[in-house]
Amino acid sequence: MHTIQFLTMVGCHNCAAAKKIFDEIMPDYQDKITVEEIDITSEKGQELVSKYSIFASPGIVIDDELFSTGGVDKNKLAEKLDSLA
């Protein structure tokens, strides 16, 4: 099972847009990929921000590798998920 850590924060426009993208495409991958939404201001969120040098939200970490920060391209995310599935 693959894991996506989705680092978000309240009031973040890019986070809300990324969440909509996840809601649209994740049903195709739900048997192979889990998504963990993490508040960027939480203790765990701050640890991940530091570990991956995330300077903009949302931060997306896939299988312990930074995928993107500050927004997400739906097509690139789908391509990455296809490669995992």
Protein backbone atom coordinates (compact mmCIF):
# COMPACT_ATOMS: atom_id res chain seq x y z
CA MET A 1 0.00 0.00 0.00
CA HIS A 2 1.33 3.43 -0.96
CA THR A 3 0.88 6.49 1.26
CA ILE A 4 0.29 10.14 0.47
CA GLN A 5 0.81 12.69 3.21
CA PHE A 6 -1.23 15.77 2.32
CA LEU A 7 -0.10 18.74 4.43
CA THR A 8 -2.75 21.45 4.60
CA MET A 9 -3.75 24.44 6.67
CA VAL A 10 -7.03 26.16 7.46
CA GLY A 11 -7.89 29.00 5.06
CA CYS A 12 -5.42 27.90 2.38
CA HIS A 13 -6.88 28.42 -1.11
CA ASN A 14 -4.35 26.09 -2.77
CA CYS A 15 -5.10 23.41 -0.17
CA ALA A 16 -8.83 23.59 -0.93
CA ALA A 17 -8.15 23.31 -4.67
CA ALA A 18 -5.82 20.34 -4.12
CA LYS A 19 -8.40 18.65 -1.89
CA LYS A 20 -10.96 18.87 -4.73
CA ILE A 21 -8.45 17.23 -7.07
CA PHE A 22 -7.85 14.44 -4.56
CA ASP A 23 -11.62 13.96 -4.15
CA GLU A 24 -11.98 13.63 -7.94
CA ILE A 25 -9.17 11.18 -8.67
CA MET A 26 -8.62 9.13 -5.50
CA PRO A 27 -11.63 6.79 -5.95
CA ASP A 28 -9.66 5.16 -8.79
CA TYR A 29 -6.76 4.40 -6.42
CA GLN A 30 -8.43 3.81 -3.05
CA ASP A 31 -7.47 0.12 -2.97
CA LYS A 32 -3.76 0.84 -3.47
CA ILE A 33 -3.10 4.28 -1.99
CA THR A 34 -4.02 5.84 1.36
CA VAL A 35 -4.15 9.59 1.92
CA GLU A 36 -3.33 11.08 5.31
CA GLU A 37 -4.33 14.73 5.65
CA ILE A 38 -2.07 16.48 8.15
CA ASP A 39 -2.49 20.00 9.51
CA ILE A 40 0.73 21.80 8.67
CA THR A 41 0.62 23.60 12.04
CA SER A 42 0.43 20.36 14.06
CA GLU A 43 3.50 18.79 15.63
CA LYS A 44 3.62 16.08 12.96
CA GLY A 45 3.02 18.69 10.25
CA GLN A 46 5.91 20.81 11.49
CA GLU A 47 8.20 17.76 11.55
CA LEU A 48 7.35 17.03 7.91
CA VAL A 49 7.72 20.70 6.91
CA SER A 50 11.21 20.66 8.36
CA LYS A 51 12.15 17.24 6.96
CA TYR A 52 11.09 18.05 3.38
CA SER A 53 11.76 21.83 3.38
CA ILE A 54 8.15 22.67 2.55
CA PHE A 55 7.79 26.44 2.17
CA ALA A 56 4.28 26.62 0.68
CA SER A 57 1.08 24.73 1.32
CA PRO A 58 -0.16 22.30 0.47
CA GLY A 59 2.76 19.95 0.68
CA ILE A 60 2.32 16.53 -0.88
CA VAL A 61 4.64 13.69 0.13
CA ILE A 62 4.24 10.37 -1.68
CA ASP A 63 5.96 7.32 -0.19
CA ASP A 64 8.39 9.50 1.78
CA GLU A 65 9.37 11.64 -1.24
CA LEU A 66 8.29 15.24 -1.71
CA PHE A 67 5.99 15.43 -4.74
CA SER A 68 4.87 19.08 -4.72
CA THR A 69 4.35 22.23 -2.68
CA GLY A 70 2.13 25.26 -3.12
CA GLY A 71 -0.40 23.59 -5.38
CA VAL A 72 -0.89 20.50 -7.46
CA ASP A 73 -1.21 19.75 -11.16
CA LYS A 74 -4.04 17.24 -11.59
CA ASN A 75 -2.45 15.56 -14.63
CA LYS A 76 0.97 15.19 -12.98
CA LEU A 77 -0.63 13.77 -9.83
CA ALA A 78 -2.67 11.28 -11.88
CA GLU A 79 0.47 10.23 -13.79
CA LYS A 80 2.33 9.68 -10.51
CA LEU A 81 -0.55 7.66 -9.04
CA ASP A 82 -0.81 5.58 -12.23
CA SER A 83 2.88 4.72 -11.89
CA LEU A 84 2.24 3.47 -8.34
CA ALA A 85 -0.96 1.53 -9.01
